[in-house]
Amino acid sequence: MTESDSTAAPAGKNLLSLDPAQETEFRKKVQEVKKKRPKKYEKLTPGVIYLGHIPQGFFEPQIRIYFSQFGSVRRVRLSRSKKTGRSKGYAFVEFECDEVAKIVADTMNNYLLAERLLKCCFIPPEKVNPKLFIGSQTQFKKPSFPAVKRYNKKRSVQERRKMTSKLLHKETHLRKRLAQKGIDYDFPGFAAQVPKKKAADMNTSVGSQDLTPVCTPTVIERRKSMKIEEGEDSDTEIVIKATPAPKKSKNKKKAKSS
């Protein structure tokens, strides 16, 4: 490597003007151009779109594949029913760039897809809920025991009693709240549907779930006292019936006359 090459290398880095008098102005312009040069790694602001009137069968994988033709899709949130797991017909799609999201909202609005007109609009960043895409990365699994089956399942006697007690407790709490706020509103509610318990007689058999079974000594003594009181009341009026005299037969009269 010669001396001329070594001197040319630093000279190439430091740009010089052809006119020495304009050297200062030339260096100022070079610095301004360097400042205005775009950075290598610019952060893109993400954009979110709302997608409505989604046809059945168009789920998270299909949405991601279809909208990736416009740009890179970051997250997809399809709204589903908690009871059955079926799609509610609307979703939210987040793109890496907000400019791409605006283009998608303009082009896909009123687009006919599977005999459905899609409704698509861009959501401003200040209106996007930070908790919107929580759980969107996890893969959806159909519930094995949904709420409809849990509600319609066959229950035992104890489970029914527990359920009715909960409903009645909630209803009484609701009535108290209405009374505290000064609302005079009467409604039958669950209490009207629950069959009322009949007053059990002393002679009738008592179930095993009652507090005092039949065979306890207290119940037996109570029954005896009730019977004695009934006997005393019945003995207050004494009625004596006279026995009628025996009638004589006609055959005996004929025998005496002969």
C-alpha atoms as a PDB file:
ATOM      1  CA  MET A   1       0.000   0.000   0.000  1.00  0.00           C
ATOM      2  CA  THR A   2       1.555   3.318  -1.146  1.00  0.00           C
ATOM      3  CA  GLU A   3       1.492   6.723   0.570  1.00  0.00           C
ATOM      4  CA  SER A   4      -0.944   8.141  -1.985  1.00  0.00           C
ATOM      5  CA  ASP A   5      -3.503   5.427  -1.156  1.00  0.00           C
ATOM      6  CA  SER A   6      -3.187   6.039   2.576  1.00  0.00           C
ATOM      7  CA  THR A   7      -3.844   9.768   2.150  1.00  0.00           C
ATOM      8  CA  ALA A   8      -6.801   9.169  -0.202  1.00  0.00           C
ATOM      9  CA  ALA A   9      -8.697   7.006   2.292  1.00  0.00           C
ATOM     10  CA  PRO A  10      -9.290   9.711   4.958  1.00  0.00           C
ATOM     11  CA  ALA A  11      -9.906  12.298   2.278  1.00  0.00           C
ATOM     12  CA  GLY A  12     -12.794  10.190   0.940  1.00  0.00           C
ATOM     13  CA  LYS A  13     -14.526  10.203   4.303  1.00  0.00           C
ATOM     14  CA  ASN A  14     -14.205  13.972   4.805  1.00  0.00           C
ATOM     15  CA  LEU A  15     -16.072  15.558   1.908  1.00  0.00           C
ATOM     16  CA  LEU A  16     -14.497  18.688   0.502  1.00  0.00           C
ATOM     17  CA  SER A  17     -15.970  21.326  -1.737  1.00  0.00           C
ATOM     18  CA  LEU A  18     -14.374  22.243  -5.050  1.00  0.00           C
ATOM     19  CA  ASP A  19     -14.339  25.930  -4.083  1.00  0.00           C
ATOM     20  CA  PRO A  20     -12.252  26.499  -0.911  1.00  0.00           C
ATOM     21  CA  ALA A  21     -14.166  29.699  -0.151  1.00  0.00           C
ATOM     22  CA  GLN A  22     -17.445  27.760   0.219  1.00  0.00           C
ATOM     23  CA  GLU A  23     -15.987  25.019   2.445  1.00  0.00           C
ATOM     24  CA  THR A  24     -17.821  26.109   5.632  1.00  0.00           C
ATOM     25  CA  GLU A  25     -21.207  26.326   3.917  1.00  0.00           C
ATOM     26  CA  PHE A  26     -20.662  22.951   2.291  1.00  0.00           C
ATOM     27  CA  ARG A  27     -19.916  21.263   5.621  1.00  0.00           C
ATOM     28  CA  LYS A  28     -23.089  22.748   7.176  1.00  0.00           C
ATOM     29  CA  LYS A  29     -25.226  21.350   4.343  1.00  0.00           C
ATOM     30  CA  VAL A  30     -23.625  17.900   4.713  1.00  0.00           C
ATOM     31  CA  GLN A  31     -24.423  17.847   8.445  1.00  0.00           C
ATOM     32  CA  GLU A  32     -28.071  18.863   7.788  1.00  0.00           C
ATOM     33  CA  VAL A  33     -28.445  16.040   5.255  1.00  0.00           C
ATOM     34  CA  LYS A  34     -27.044  13.546   7.774  1.00  0.00           C
ATOM     35  CA  LYS A  35     -29.550  14.686  10.418  1.00  0.00           C
ATOM     36  CA  LYS A  36     -32.492  14.326   8.052  1.00  0.00           C
ATOM     37  CA  ARG A  37     -31.411  10.826   7.011  1.00  0.00           C
ATOM     38  CA  PRO A  38     -34.005   8.259   8.267  1.00  0.00           C
ATOM     39  CA  LYS A  39     -32.931   5.885  10.979  1.00  0.00           C
ATOM     40  CA  LYS A  40     -32.292   2.239  10.177  1.00  0.00           C
ATOM     41  CA  TYR A  41     -34.680   0.830  12.822  1.00  0.00           C
ATOM     42  CA  GLU A  42     -37.836   2.924  13.021  1.00  0.00           C
ATOM     43  CA  LYS A  43     -40.561   1.770  15.433  1.00  0.00           C
ATOM     44  CA  LEU A  44     -43.856   1.213  13.665  1.00  0.00           C
ATOM     45  CA  THR A  45     -47.039   2.084  15.501  1.00  0.00           C
ATOM     46  CA  PRO A  46     -49.467  -0.860  15.418  1.00  0.00           C
ATOM     47  CA  GLY A  47     -53.030  -0.452  14.164  1.00  0.00           C
ATOM     48  CA  VAL A  48     -56.211  -2.287  15.178  1.00  0.00           C
ATOM     49  CA  ILE A  49     -59.290  -2.864  13.028  1.00  0.00           C
ATOM     50  CA  TYR A  50     -62.774  -4.048  13.946  1.00  0.00           C
ATOM     51  CA  LEU A  51     -64.203  -6.836  11.787  1.00  0.00           C
ATOM     52  CA  GLY A  52     -67.944  -7.540  11.904  1.00  0.00           C
ATOM     53  CA  HIS A  53     -70.498  -9.831  10.184  1.00  0.00           C
ATOM     54  CA  ILE A  54     -67.986 -12.676  10.076  1.00  0.00           C
ATOM     55  CA  PRO A  55     -69.453 -15.849   8.514  1.00  0.00           C
ATOM     56  CA  GLN A  56     -69.447 -19.190  10.317  1.00  0.00           C
ATOM     57  CA  GLY A  57     -66.301 -21.244   9.769  1.00  0.00           C
ATOM     58  CA  PHE A  58     -64.091 -18.143   9.523  1.00  0.00           C
ATOM     59  CA  PHE A  59     -62.095 -18.542  12.741  1.00  0.00           C
ATOM     60  CA  GLU A  60     -58.731 -17.302  14.070  1.00  0.00           C
ATOM     61  CA  PRO A  61     -56.433 -19.293  11.707  1.00  0.00           C
ATOM     62  CA  GLN A  62     -58.486 -18.348   8.640  1.00  0.00           C
ATOM     63  CA  ILE A  63     -58.572 -14.658   9.654  1.00  0.00           C
ATOM     64  CA  ARG A  64     -54.804 -14.576  10.174  1.00  0.00           C
ATOM     65  CA  ILE A  65     -54.069 -16.268   6.837  1.00  0.00           C
ATOM     66  CA  TYR A  66     -56.536 -14.119   4.872  1.00  0.00           C
ATOM     67  CA  PHE A  67     -55.436 -10.727   6.235  1.00  0.00           C
ATOM     68  CA  SER A  68     -51.700 -11.501   6.093  1.00  0.00           C
ATOM     69  CA  GLN A  69     -51.856 -10.678   2.348  1.00  0.00           C
ATOM     70  CA  PHE A  70     -52.094  -6.981   3.310  1.00  0.00           C
ATOM     71  CA  GLY A  71     -49.284  -7.009   5.860  1.00  0.00           C
ATOM     72  CA  SER A  72     -47.901  -8.713   8.939  1.00  0.00           C
ATOM     73  CA  VAL A  73     -50.636  -9.570  11.463  1.00  0.00           C
ATOM     74  CA  ARG A  74     -49.575  -9.410  15.107  1.00  0.00           C
ATOM     75  CA  ARG A  75     -52.651 -10.592  17.024  1.00  0.00           C
ATOM     76  CA  VAL A  76     -56.213 -11.771  16.354  1.00  0.00           C
ATOM     77  CA  ARG A  77     -59.061 -11.765  18.872  1.00  0.00           C
ATOM     78  CA  LEU A  78     -62.296 -13.522  17.852  1.00  0.00           C
ATOM     79  CA  SER A  79     -65.169 -13.039  20.279  1.00  0.00           C
ATOM     80  CA  ARG A  80     -66.720 -16.345  21.376  1.00  0.00           C
ATOM     81  CA  SER A  81     -69.588 -17.389  23.625  1.00  0.00           C
ATOM     82  CA  LYS A  82     -68.565 -18.573  27.088  1.00  0.00           C
ATOM     83  CA  LYS A  83     -71.472 -21.010  27.230  1.00  0.00           C
ATOM     84  CA  THR A  84     -71.110 -22.802  23.883  1.00  0.00           C
ATOM     85  CA  GLY A  85     -67.770 -21.601  22.474  1.00  0.00           C
ATOM     86  CA  ARG A  86     -69.334 -20.537  19.165  1.00  0.00           C
ATOM     87  CA  SER A  87     -68.273 -17.388  17.323  1.00  0.00           C
ATOM     88  CA  LYS A  88     -70.252 -14.205  18.037  1.00  0.00           C
ATOM     89  CA  GLY A  89     -69.565 -12.851  14.558  1.00  0.00           C
ATOM     90  CA  TYR A  90     -67.011 -10.108  15.246  1.00  0.00           C
ATOM     91  CA  ALA A  91     -63.266  -9.913  15.805  1.00  0.00           C
ATOM     92  CA  PHE A  92     -60.318  -7.533  16.278  1.00  0.00           C
ATOM     93  CA  VAL A  93     -57.159  -7.743  14.166  1.00  0.00           C
ATOM     94  CA  GLU A  94     -53.915  -5.944  15.020  1.00  0.00           C
ATOM     95  CA  PHE A  95     -51.421  -5.122  12.256  1.00  0.00           C
ATOM     96  CA  GLU A  96     -47.793  -4.174  12.700  1.00  0.00           C
ATOM     97  CA  CYS A  97     -48.297  -0.820  10.943  1.00  0.00           C
ATOM     98  CA  ASP A  98     -51.248   1.507  11.392  1.00  0.00           C
ATOM     99  CA  GLU A  99     -51.065   2.617   7.742  1.00  0.00           C
ATOM    100  CA  VAL A 100     -51.694  -0.973   6.670  1.00  0.00           C
ATOM    101  CA  ALA A 101     -54.635  -1.203   9.072  1.00  0.00           C
ATOM    102  CA  LYS A 102     -56.208   1.915   7.531  1.00  0.00           C
ATOM    103  CA  ILE A 103     -55.826   0.482   4.031  1.00  0.00           C
ATOM    104  CA  VAL A 104     -57.421  -2.796   5.127  1.00  0.00           C
ATOM    105  CA  ALA A 105     -60.348  -0.936   6.739  1.00  0.00           C
ATOM    106  CA  ASP A 106     -60.976   0.995   3.516  1.00  0.00           C
ATOM    107  CA  THR A 107     -60.710  -1.970   1.153  1.00  0.00           C
ATOM    108  CA  MET A 108     -62.502  -4.666   3.218  1.00  0.00           C
ATOM    109  CA  ASN A 109     -65.495  -2.604   4.374  1.00  0.00           C
ATOM    110  CA  ASN A 110     -68.731  -3.911   2.721  1.00  0.00           C
ATOM    111  CA  TYR A 111     -66.747  -6.742   1.121  1.00  0.00           C
ATOM    112  CA  LEU A 112     -68.877  -9.795   0.213  1.00  0.00           C
ATOM    113  CA  LEU A 113     -67.474 -12.929   1.826  1.00  0.00           C
ATOM    114  CA  ALA A 114     -69.445 -16.195   2.027  1.00  0.00           C
ATOM    115  CA  GLU A 115     -72.752 -14.367   1.410  1.00  0.00           C
ATOM    116  CA  ARG A 116     -71.980 -11.859   4.179  1.00  0.00           C
ATOM    117  CA  LEU A 117     -71.083  -8.170   3.898  1.00  0.00           C
ATOM    118  CA  LEU A 118     -68.071  -7.608   6.128  1.00  0.00           C
ATOM    119  CA  LYS A 119     -68.014  -4.478   8.264  1.00  0.00           C
ATOM    120  CA  CYS A 120     -64.497  -3.203   8.806  1.00  0.00           C
ATOM    121  CA  CYS A 121     -63.336   0.011  10.464  1.00  0.00           C
ATOM    122  CA  PHE A 122     -60.105   1.390  11.915  1.00  0.00           C
ATOM    123  CA  ILE A 123     -59.964   1.914  15.705  1.00  0.00           C
ATOM    124  CA  PRO A 124     -57.915   4.910  16.918  1.00  0.00           C
ATOM    125  CA  PRO A 125     -55.093   4.039  19.337  1.00  0.00           C
ATOM    126  CA  GLU A 126     -56.643   6.016  22.217  1.00  0.00           C
ATOM    127  CA  LYS A 127     -59.852   3.949  22.004  1.00  0.00           C
ATOM    128  CA  VAL A 128     -58.130   0.551  22.046  1.00  0.00           C
ATOM    129  CA  ASN A 129     -58.556  -1.219  25.377  1.00  0.00           C
ATOM    130  CA  PRO A 130     -55.180  -2.412  26.741  1.00  0.00           C
ATOM    131  CA  LYS A 131     -56.839  -5.682  27.840  1.00  0.00           C
ATOM    132  CA  LEU A 132     -58.339  -6.356  24.410  1.00  0.00           C
ATOM    133  CA  PHE A 133     -55.894  -9.030  23.273  1.00  0.00           C
ATOM    134  CA  ILE A 134     -55.387 -10.820  26.610  1.00  0.00           C
ATOM    135  CA  GLY A 135     -55.514 -14.571  25.960  1.00  0.00           C
ATOM    136  CA  SER A 136     -55.506 -14.160  22.180  1.00  0.00           C
ATOM    137  CA  GLN A 137     -52.230 -16.078  21.794  1.00  0.00           C
ATOM    138  CA  THR A 138     -53.595 -19.245  23.414  1.00  0.00           C
ATOM    139  CA  GLN A 139     -55.216 -21.749  21.095  1.00  0.00           C
ATOM    140  CA  PHE A 140     -58.963 -22.095  21.509  1.00  0.00           C
ATOM    141  CA  LYS A 141     -60.298 -25.409  22.781  1.00  0.00           C
ATOM    142  CA  LYS A 142     -63.955 -26.325  22.681  1.00  0.00           C
ATOM    143  CA  PRO A 143     -65.339 -26.701  26.239  1.00  0.00           C
ATOM    144  CA  SER A 144     -65.965 -30.341  27.112  1.00  0.00           C
ATOM    145  CA  PHE A 145     -68.658 -29.494  29.667  1.00  0.00           C
ATOM    146  CA  PRO A 146     -70.240 -26.157  28.622  1.00  0.00           C
ATOM    147  CA  ALA A 147     -72.613 -24.102  30.725  1.00  0.00           C
ATOM    148  CA  VAL A 148     -75.711 -25.316  28.858  1.00  0.00           C
ATOM    149  CA  LYS A 149     -75.027 -28.919  29.850  1.00  0.00           C
ATOM    150  CA  ARG A 150     -74.193 -27.866  33.398  1.00  0.00           C
ATOM    151  CA  TYR A 151     -77.501 -26.024  33.655  1.00  0.00           C
ATOM    152  CA  ASN A 152     -79.620 -28.816  32.137  1.00  0.00           C
ATOM    153  CA  LYS A 153     -77.993 -31.719  33.957  1.00  0.00           C
ATOM    154  CA  LYS A 154     -80.017 -33.983  36.234  1.00  0.00           C
ATOM    155  CA  ARG A 155     -79.633 -32.967  39.857  1.00  0.00           C
ATOM    156  CA  SER A 156     -80.160 -34.883  43.049  1.00  0.00           C
ATOM    157  CA  VAL A 157     -82.560 -33.808  45.799  1.00  0.00           C
ATOM    158  CA  GLN A 158     -79.790 -32.214  47.836  1.00  0.00           C
ATOM    159  CA  GLU A 159     -78.479 -30.257  44.834  1.00  0.00           C
ATOM    160  CA  ARG A 160     -81.996 -28.960  44.091  1.00  0.00           C
ATOM    161  CA  ARG A 161     -82.446 -27.822  47.672  1.00  0.00           C
ATOM    162  CA  LYS A 162     -79.098 -26.082  47.587  1.00  0.00           C
ATOM    163  CA  MET A 163     -79.967 -24.340  44.311  1.00  0.00           C
ATOM    164  CA  THR A 164     -83.391 -23.189  45.576  1.00  0.00           C
ATOM    165  CA  SER A 165     -81.889 -21.871  48.804  1.00  0.00           C
ATOM    166  CA  LYS A 166     -79.357 -19.823  46.810  1.00  0.00           C
ATOM    167  CA  LEU A 167     -82.070 -18.391  44.569  1.00  0.00           C
ATOM    168  CA  LEU A 168     -84.262 -17.485  47.537  1.00  0.00           C
ATOM    169  CA  HIS A 169     -81.319 -15.878  49.328  1.00  0.00           C
ATOM    170  CA  LYS A 170     -80.550 -13.730  46.271  1.00  0.00           C
ATOM    171  CA  GLU A 171     -84.197 -12.779  45.938  1.00  0.00           C
ATOM    172  CA  THR A 172     -84.496 -11.671  49.572  1.00  0.00           C
ATOM    173  CA  HIS A 173     -81.286  -9.651  49.200  1.00  0.00           C
ATOM    174  CA  LEU A 174     -82.751  -7.973  46.096  1.00  0.00           C
ATOM    175  CA  ARG A 175     -85.985  -7.116  47.911  1.00  0.00           C
ATOM    176  CA  LYS A 176     -84.002  -5.551  50.770  1.00  0.00           C
ATOM    177  CA  ARG A 177     -82.001  -3.439  48.344  1.00  0.00           C
ATOM    178  CA  LEU A 178     -85.173  -2.224  46.644  1.00  0.00           C
ATOM    179  CA  ALA A 179     -86.714  -1.378  50.017  1.00  0.00           C
ATOM    180  CA  GLN A 180     -83.600   0.560  51.077  1.00  0.00           C
ATOM    181  CA  LYS A 181     -83.787   2.686  47.945  1.00  0.00           C
ATOM    182  CA  GLY A 182     -87.465   3.383  48.532  1.00  0.00           C
ATOM    183  CA  ILE A 183     -88.787   1.407  45.569  1.00  0.00           C
ATOM    184  CA  ASP A 184     -92.175  -0.143  46.252  1.00  0.00           C
ATOM    185  CA  TYR A 185     -92.218  -3.020  43.790  1.00  0.00           C
ATOM    186  CA  ASP A 186     -93.840  -6.359  44.551  1.00  0.00           C
ATOM    187  CA  PHE A 187     -93.189  -9.393  42.370  1.00  0.00           C
ATOM    188  CA  PRO A 188     -93.808 -13.134  42.920  1.00  0.00           C
ATOM    189  CA  GLY A 189     -90.255 -14.298  42.181  1.00  0.00           C
ATOM    190  CA  PHE A 190     -88.920 -17.732  43.106  1.00  0.00           C
ATOM    191  CA  ALA A 191     -90.727 -17.836  46.424  1.00  0.00           C
ATOM    192  CA  ALA A 192     -94.090 -18.223  44.642  1.00  0.00           C
ATOM    193  CA  GLN A 193     -92.812 -21.225  42.664  1.00  0.00           C
ATOM    194  CA  VAL A 194     -91.463 -23.122  45.680  1.00  0.00           C
ATOM    195  CA  PRO A 195     -94.217 -25.420  47.089  1.00  0.00           C
ATOM    196  CA  LYS A 196     -95.182 -24.579  50.654  1.00  0.00           C
ATOM    197  CA  LYS A 197     -94.699 -27.200  53.353  1.00  0.00           C
ATOM    198  CA  LYS A 198     -97.937 -28.539  54.869  1.00  0.00           C
ATOM    199  CA  ALA A 199     -98.349 -28.562  58.652  1.00  0.00           C
ATOM    200  CA  ALA A 200     -97.716 -32.157  59.689  1.00  0.00           C
ATOM    201  CA  ASP A 201    -100.356 -33.758  61.942  1.00  0.00           C
ATOM    202  CA  MET A 202     -99.361 -35.639  65.056  1.00  0.00           C
ATOM    203  CA  ASN A 203    -100.668 -38.949  63.754  1.00  0.00           C
ATOM    204  CA  THR A 204     -98.980 -38.684  60.356  1.00  0.00           C
ATOM    205  CA  SER A 205     -95.574 -40.213  59.785  1.00  0.00           C
ATOM    206  CA  VAL A 206     -92.617 -37.865  59.807  1.00  0.00           C
ATOM    207  CA  GLY A 207     -89.747 -38.154  57.320  1.00  0.00           C
ATOM    208  CA  SER A 208     -86.255 -39.159  58.316  1.00  0.00           C
ATOM    209  CA  GLN A 209     -84.909 -35.710  57.349  1.00  0.00           C
ATOM    210  CA  ASP A 210     -87.013 -33.847  59.974  1.00  0.00           C
ATOM    211  CA  LEU A 211     -85.493 -32.688  63.213  1.00  0.00           C
ATOM    212  CA  THR A 212     -87.651 -34.884  65.503  1.00  0.00           C
ATOM    213  CA  PRO A 213     -88.440 -38.406  64.235  1.00  0.00           C
ATOM    214  CA  VAL A 214     -91.614 -40.289  65.200  1.00  0.00           C
ATOM    215  CA  CYS A 215     -90.098 -42.736  67.618  1.00  0.00           C
ATOM    216  CA  THR A 216     -88.691 -40.202  70.087  1.00  0.00           C
ATOM    217  CA  PRO A 217     -90.187 -40.280  73.609  1.00  0.00           C
ATOM    218  CA  THR A 218     -91.141 -36.564  73.472  1.00  0.00           C
ATOM    219  CA  VAL A 219     -93.351 -37.108  70.431  1.00  0.00           C
ATOM    220  CA  ILE A 220     -94.973 -40.182  72.024  1.00  0.00           C
ATOM    221  CA  GLU A 221     -95.786 -38.272  75.237  1.00  0.00           C
ATOM    222  CA  ARG A 222     -97.182 -35.388  73.205  1.00  0.00           C
ATOM    223  CA  ARG A 223     -99.463 -37.791  71.323  1.00  0.00           C
ATOM    224  CA  LYS A 224    -100.684 -39.328  74.576  1.00  0.00           C
ATOM    225  CA  SER A 225    -101.502 -35.915  76.036  1.00  0.00           C
ATOM    226  CA  MET A 226    -103.398 -34.954  72.871  1.00  0.00           C
ATOM    227  CA  LYS A 227    -105.486 -38.161  73.085  1.00  0.00           C
ATOM    228  CA  ILE A 228    -106.274 -37.614  76.776  1.00  0.00           C
ATOM    229  CA  GLU A 229    -107.456 -34.039  76.101  1.00  0.00           C
ATOM    230  CA  GLU A 230    -109.669 -35.239  73.256  1.00  0.00           C
ATOM    231  CA  GLY A 231    -111.187 -37.908  75.592  1.00  0.00           C
ATOM    232  CA  GLU A 232    -111.961 -35.327  78.290  1.00  0.00           C
ATOM    233  CA  ASP A 233    -113.734 -33.084  75.795  1.00  0.00           C
ATOM    234  CA  SER A 234    -115.843 -35.944  74.507  1.00  0.00           C
ATOM    235  CA  ASP A 235    -116.962 -36.971  78.060  1.00  0.00           C
ATOM    236  CA  THR A 236    -118.537 -33.607  78.893  1.00  0.00           C
ATOM    237  CA  GLU A 237    -121.934 -34.583  77.459  1.00  0.00           C
ATOM    238  CA  ILE A 238    -123.243 -37.984  78.604  1.00  0.00           C
ATOM    239  CA  VAL A 239    -126.172 -39.434  76.685  1.00  0.00           C
ATOM    240  CA  ILE A 240    -128.061 -42.482  78.135  1.00  0.00           C
ATOM    241  CA  LYS A 241    -130.119 -44.464  75.697  1.00  0.00           C
ATOM    242  CA  ALA A 242    -132.964 -46.546  77.176  1.00  0.00           C
ATOM    243  CA  THR A 243    -133.177 -50.080  75.950  1.00  0.00           C
ATOM    244  CA  PRO A 244    -136.593 -50.855  74.343  1.00  0.00           C
ATOM    245  CA  ALA A 245    -138.855 -53.563  75.868  1.00  0.00           C
ATOM    246  CA  PRO A 246    -138.948 -56.901  74.071  1.00  0.00           C
ATOM    247  CA  LYS A 247    -142.008 -57.420  71.845  1.00  0.00           C
ATOM    248  CA  LYS A 248    -144.233 -60.459  72.376  1.00  0.00           C
ATOM    249  CA  SER A 249    -144.772 -62.678  69.387  1.00  0.00           C
ATOM    250  CA  LYS A 250    -148.289 -63.526  68.032  1.00  0.00           C
ATOM    251  CA  ASN A 251    -147.693 -67.287  68.085  1.00  0.00           C
ATOM    252  CA  LYS A 252    -147.501 -67.273  71.848  1.00  0.00           C
ATOM    253  CA  LYS A 253    -150.908 -65.470  72.116  1.00  0.00           C
ATOM    254  CA  LYS A 254    -152.603 -68.070  69.870  1.00  0.00           C
ATOM    255  CA  ALA A 255    -151.219 -70.922  71.975  1.00  0.00           C
ATOM    256  CA  LYS A 256    -152.688 -69.425  75.201  1.00  0.00           C
ATOM    257  CA  SER A 257    -156.119 -68.869  73.665  1.00  0.00           C
ATOM    258  CA  SER A 258    -156.354 -72.468  72.505  1.00  0.00           C
END
